[in-house]
């Protein structure tokens, strides 16, 4: 089981902007992703499901390793333009418009590196779980796969656990990630409360800075993410 302890202070020192991107991930979930990238020293990070680029930017702030971020950008009409502009300043991000189920096999056929990480934030549910299963079955270079929006105690979580051994769920109330979730989200909330009041979600950080406060009230354990490490 991975120990996230060595990565806590580095994340806190690097991720200091407490604006939570709409349709994005919680800071503790981003911490898990970034820790895994560092722990396994991956040669490539593949993200399936970009939306407005919150998780993509979080990863880019922590690592200079290449990140290929894929999305159809059909769900939100303004997301491609927004994400493209937001992520344009990072030289290690390649944004691809397309279907991940098609694009990822193409990337894996071309890429020559040995260690790959995968984050699935679209498709969702059983399709995402079966996508992960297919990748792990066909690609030994994958060091870890994280699947977003898998809530602990739901049918999707039970299905995920039936396919993979020793899955870590970031929102498990008393699981191996609990202390790290609490440490990161409490830290970011504390910073946020010092500079703003609670607010609704907004793509304008000035208007939506307090969204972290309202989100943690509604989802104190986060949105839920499954961490699958096949070689541990």
Protein backbone atom coordinates (compact mmCIF):
# COMPACT_ATOMS: atom_id res chain seq x y z
CA UNK A 1 0.00 0.00 0.00
CA UNK A 2 1.45 3.34 -1.04
CA UNK A 3 2.45 5.81 1.69
CA UNK A 4 1.33 9.31 0.69
CA UNK A 5 3.15 10.98 3.61
CA UNK A 6 6.29 12.09 1.70
CA UNK A 7 4.21 14.11 -0.76
CA UNK A 8 2.03 16.15 1.62
CA UNK A 9 4.28 19.16 2.21
CA UNK A 10 5.35 19.40 -1.42
CA UNK A 11 1.73 19.54 -2.55
CA UNK A 12 0.84 22.15 0.06
CA UNK A 13 3.77 24.32 -1.00
CA UNK A 14 2.98 23.99 -4.72
CA UNK A 15 -0.82 24.18 -4.82
CA UNK A 16 -1.62 27.47 -3.11
CA UNK A 17 -4.54 28.75 -5.22
CA UNK A 18 -7.70 27.60 -3.42
CA UNK A 19 -10.15 28.20 -6.26
CA UNK A 20 -11.92 24.92 -6.98
CA UNK A 21 -12.62 24.46 -10.69
CA UNK A 22 -16.27 23.75 -11.58
CA UNK A 23 -16.73 20.15 -12.78
CA UNK A 24 -13.26 19.43 -11.41
CA UNK A 25 -11.74 17.35 -8.64
CA UNK A 26 -11.29 18.01 -4.93
CA UNK A 27 -7.84 19.10 -3.79
CA UNK A 28 -7.33 15.87 -1.85
CA UNK A 29 -8.11 13.89 -5.00
CA UNK A 30 -5.62 16.01 -6.93
CA UNK A 31 -3.10 15.34 -4.19
CA UNK A 32 -3.57 11.59 -4.64
CA UNK A 33 -3.03 11.91 -8.40
CA UNK A 34 0.05 14.09 -8.06
CA UNK A 35 1.53 11.81 -5.38
CA UNK A 36 1.13 8.76 -7.62
CA UNK A 37 2.80 10.55 -10.54
CA UNK A 38 5.79 11.32 -8.32
CA UNK A 39 5.84 7.98 -6.52
CA UNK A 40 5.96 5.95 -9.73
CA UNK A 41 7.99 8.55 -11.63
CA UNK A 42 5.82 7.96 -14.68
CA UNK A 43 7.07 8.73 -18.18
CA UNK A 44 3.58 9.75 -19.33
CA UNK A 45 0.31 10.74 -17.69
CA UNK A 46 -2.89 10.18 -19.68
CA UNK A 47 -6.07 11.97 -18.61
CA UNK A 48 -9.43 10.89 -20.02
CA UNK A 49 -12.00 13.62 -19.37
CA UNK A 50 -10.76 17.20 -19.12
CA UNK A 51 -13.81 19.47 -18.88
CA UNK A 52 -12.41 22.84 -17.75
CA UNK A 53 -8.89 21.60 -17.00
CA UNK A 54 -8.81 21.74 -13.21
CA UNK A 55 -7.15 18.38 -12.63
CA UNK A 56 -4.94 18.82 -15.70
CA UNK A 57 -3.50 22.06 -14.38
CA UNK A 58 -3.06 20.63 -10.89
CA UNK A 59 -0.95 17.80 -12.29
CA UNK A 60 1.06 20.18 -14.50
CA UNK A 61 1.94 22.32 -11.50
CA UNK A 62 3.48 19.32 -9.74
CA UNK A 63 5.22 17.50 -12.60
CA UNK A 64 7.08 18.38 -15.79
CA UNK A 65 6.43 14.92 -17.23
CA UNK A 66 4.25 14.86 -20.37
CA UNK A 67 0.49 14.89 -19.85
CA UNK A 68 -1.88 13.92 -22.67
CA UNK A 69 -5.39 15.15 -21.84
CA UNK A 70 -8.30 13.83 -23.93
CA UNK A 71 -11.95 14.88 -24.07
CA UNK A 72 -14.72 15.03 -26.65
CA UNK A 73 -15.64 18.41 -25.10
CA UNK A 74 -19.27 17.71 -25.98
CA UNK A 75 -20.64 17.92 -22.43
CA UNK A 76 -20.01 21.66 -21.96
CA UNK A 77 -20.02 23.86 -25.05
CA UNK A 78 -17.45 26.33 -23.69
CA UNK A 79 -15.07 23.78 -22.17
CA UNK A 80 -12.67 23.28 -25.09
CA UNK A 81 -11.96 26.98 -25.56
CA UNK A 82 -11.68 27.49 -21.79
CA UNK A 83 -9.37 24.51 -21.20
CA UNK A 84 -7.24 25.32 -24.26
CA UNK A 85 -6.63 28.87 -23.06
CA UNK A 86 -6.07 27.83 -19.46
CA UNK A 87 -3.57 25.07 -20.26
CA UNK A 88 -1.70 26.82 -23.08
CA UNK A 89 1.03 28.06 -20.73
CA UNK A 90 2.14 24.53 -19.84
CA UNK A 91 4.65 23.06 -22.27
CA UNK A 92 4.15 19.49 -21.01
CA UNK A 93 0.40 19.29 -21.78
CA UNK A 94 -0.98 18.02 -25.07
CA UNK A 95 -4.73 18.55 -25.37
CA UNK A 96 -6.56 16.17 -27.70
CA UNK A 97 -10.16 16.51 -28.83
CA UNK A 98 -11.63 13.04 -29.35
CA UNK A 99 -12.92 9.79 -27.86
CA UNK A 100 -10.56 8.35 -25.23
CA UNK A 101 -11.63 4.80 -26.05
CA UNK A 102 -10.15 5.37 -29.51
CA UNK A 103 -7.32 7.77 -28.71
CA UNK A 104 -5.70 5.97 -25.76
CA UNK A 105 -4.90 2.75 -27.69
CA UNK A 106 -3.43 4.92 -30.46
CA UNK A 107 -1.23 6.74 -27.93
CA UNK A 108 -0.09 3.51 -26.29
CA UNK A 109 0.89 2.09 -29.67
CA UNK A 110 3.10 5.10 -30.39
CA UNK A 111 4.52 5.90 -26.94
CA UNK A 112 7.80 4.15 -26.13
CA UNK A 113 8.18 4.96 -22.42
CA UNK A 114 8.03 2.28 -19.73
CA UNK A 115 5.80 3.78 -17.04
CA UNK A 116 2.33 5.24 -17.62
CA UNK A 117 -0.31 6.66 -15.29
CA UNK A 118 -3.99 7.01 -16.22
CA UNK A 119 -6.73 9.20 -14.80
CA UNK A 120 -10.29 8.47 -15.97
CA UNK A 121 -12.75 11.31 -15.33
CA UNK A 122 -14.87 10.49 -18.37
CA UNK A 123 -16.50 8.22 -19.30
CA UNK A 124 -18.21 7.60 -15.97
CA UNK A 125 -19.54 4.66 -13.96
CA UNK A 126 -19.33 1.10 -15.25
CA UNK A 127 -17.93 2.24 -18.59
CA UNK A 128 -14.99 3.87 -16.80
CA UNK A 129 -14.42 0.79 -14.63
CA UNK A 130 -14.46 -1.53 -17.64
CA UNK A 131 -12.17 0.86 -19.51
CA UNK A 132 -9.69 0.56 -16.63
CA UNK A 133 -10.00 -3.21 -16.67
CA UNK A 134 -9.28 -3.31 -20.40
CA UNK A 135 -6.22 -1.08 -20.05
CA UNK A 136 -4.76 -3.15 -17.24
CA UNK A 137 -5.42 -6.36 -19.15
CA UNK A 138 -3.67 -5.18 -22.31
CA UNK A 139 -0.97 -2.79 -21.06
CA UNK A 140 1.64 -3.84 -18.48
CA UNK A 141 3.27 -0.39 -18.49
CA UNK A 142 0.33 1.16 -16.63
CA UNK A 143 1.50 1.79 -13.06
CA UNK A 144 -1.80 3.08 -11.72
CA UNK A 145 -5.30 4.06 -12.80
CA UNK A 146 -7.51 6.51 -10.91
CA UNK A 147 -11.24 6.66 -11.67
CA UNK A 148 -13.12 9.77 -10.56
CA UNK A 149 -16.69 9.90 -9.25
CA UNK A 150 -16.63 6.40 -7.77
CA UNK A 151 -18.32 6.98 -4.43
CA UNK A 152 -17.65 4.56 -1.60
CA UNK A 153 -20.65 2.41 -0.69
CA UNK A 154 -22.33 2.70 -4.11
CA UNK A 155 -22.94 -0.06 -6.71
CA UNK A 156 -20.11 1.36 -8.82
CA UNK A 157 -17.69 0.99 -5.91
CA UNK A 158 -18.79 -2.58 -5.28
CA UNK A 159 -18.39 -3.39 -8.97
CA UNK A 160 -14.92 -1.83 -8.97
CA UNK A 161 -13.90 -3.85 -5.92
CA UNK A 162 -15.14 -7.04 -7.55
CA UNK A 163 -12.73 -6.54 -10.47
CA UNK A 164 -9.62 -5.19 -8.73
CA UNK A 165 -7.81 -6.10 -5.53
CA UNK A 166 -6.88 -3.62 -2.79
CA UNK A 167 -8.51 -0.54 -4.31
CA UNK A 168 -8.08 2.68 -2.33
CA UNK A 169 -11.17 4.90 -2.23
CA UNK A 170 -10.41 8.52 -1.40
CA UNK A 171 -13.84 9.09 0.17
CA UNK A 172 -13.93 5.95 2.31
CA UNK A 173 -14.91 7.28 5.77
CA UNK A 174 -12.23 5.33 7.63
CA UNK A 175 -9.86 4.02 4.98
CA UNK A 176 -6.12 4.22 4.25
CA UNK A 177 -6.47 7.61 2.56
CA UNK A 178 -8.65 9.22 5.24
CA UNK A 179 -5.91 11.09 7.14
CA UNK A 180 -4.45 12.48 3.90
CA UNK A 181 -7.86 13.58 2.60
CA UNK A 182 -8.52 15.38 5.85
CA UNK A 183 -5.07 16.98 6.00
CA UNK A 184 -5.16 18.34 2.43
CA UNK A 185 -8.78 19.49 2.30
CA UNK A 186 -8.62 21.04 5.78
CA UNK A 187 -5.44 22.88 4.82
CA UNK A 188 -6.94 24.24 1.59
CA UNK A 189 -10.20 25.16 3.35
CA UNK A 190 -8.32 27.00 6.05
CA UNK A 191 -6.46 29.04 3.42
CA UNK A 192 -9.69 29.71 1.54
CA UNK A 193 -11.64 30.91 4.59
CA UNK A 194 -8.95 33.50 5.31
CA UNK A 195 -9.46 35.25 1.99
CA UNK A 196 -13.14 34.92 1.05
CA UNK A 197 -16.70 34.05 1.97
CA UNK A 198 -18.62 30.99 0.77
CA UNK A 199 -19.84 31.24 -2.82
CA UNK A 200 -21.38 29.28 -5.65
CA UNK A 201 -19.45 27.63 -8.46
CA UNK A 202 -18.12 29.90 -11.20
CA UNK A 203 -15.62 29.76 -14.05
CA UNK A 204 -14.56 33.22 -12.95
CA UNK A 205 -12.24 32.64 -9.97
CA UNK A 206 -13.06 36.06 -8.54
CA UNK A 207 -16.75 35.12 -8.32
CA UNK A 208 -16.35 31.46 -7.36
CA UNK A 209 -13.40 31.48 -4.98
CA UNK A 210 -15.55 30.41 -2.03
CA UNK A 211 -16.91 27.37 -3.90
CA UNK A 212 -14.50 25.17 -1.93
CA UNK A 213 -16.39 26.04 1.25
CA UNK A 214 -19.82 25.18 -0.12
CA UNK A 215 -18.55 22.00 -1.78
CA UNK A 216 -16.96 20.64 1.38
CA UNK A 217 -20.22 21.30 3.22
CA UNK A 218 -22.13 19.27 0.64
CA UNK A 219 -19.44 16.60 0.09
CA UNK A 220 -17.14 16.54 3.13
CA UNK A 221 -15.45 13.34 1.91
CA UNK A 222 -14.97 14.64 -1.62
CA UNK A 223 -16.45 13.39 -4.89
CA UNK A 224 -14.93 9.91 -4.64
CA UNK A 225 -12.02 8.46 -6.55
CA UNK A 226 -10.85 4.86 -6.91
CA UNK A 227 -7.09 4.28 -6.92
CA UNK A 228 -6.02 1.06 -8.61
CA UNK A 229 -2.37 -0.04 -8.38
CA UNK A 230 -2.01 -3.37 -10.20
CA UNK A 231 1.63 -4.15 -9.40
CA UNK A 232 1.63 -3.52 -5.65
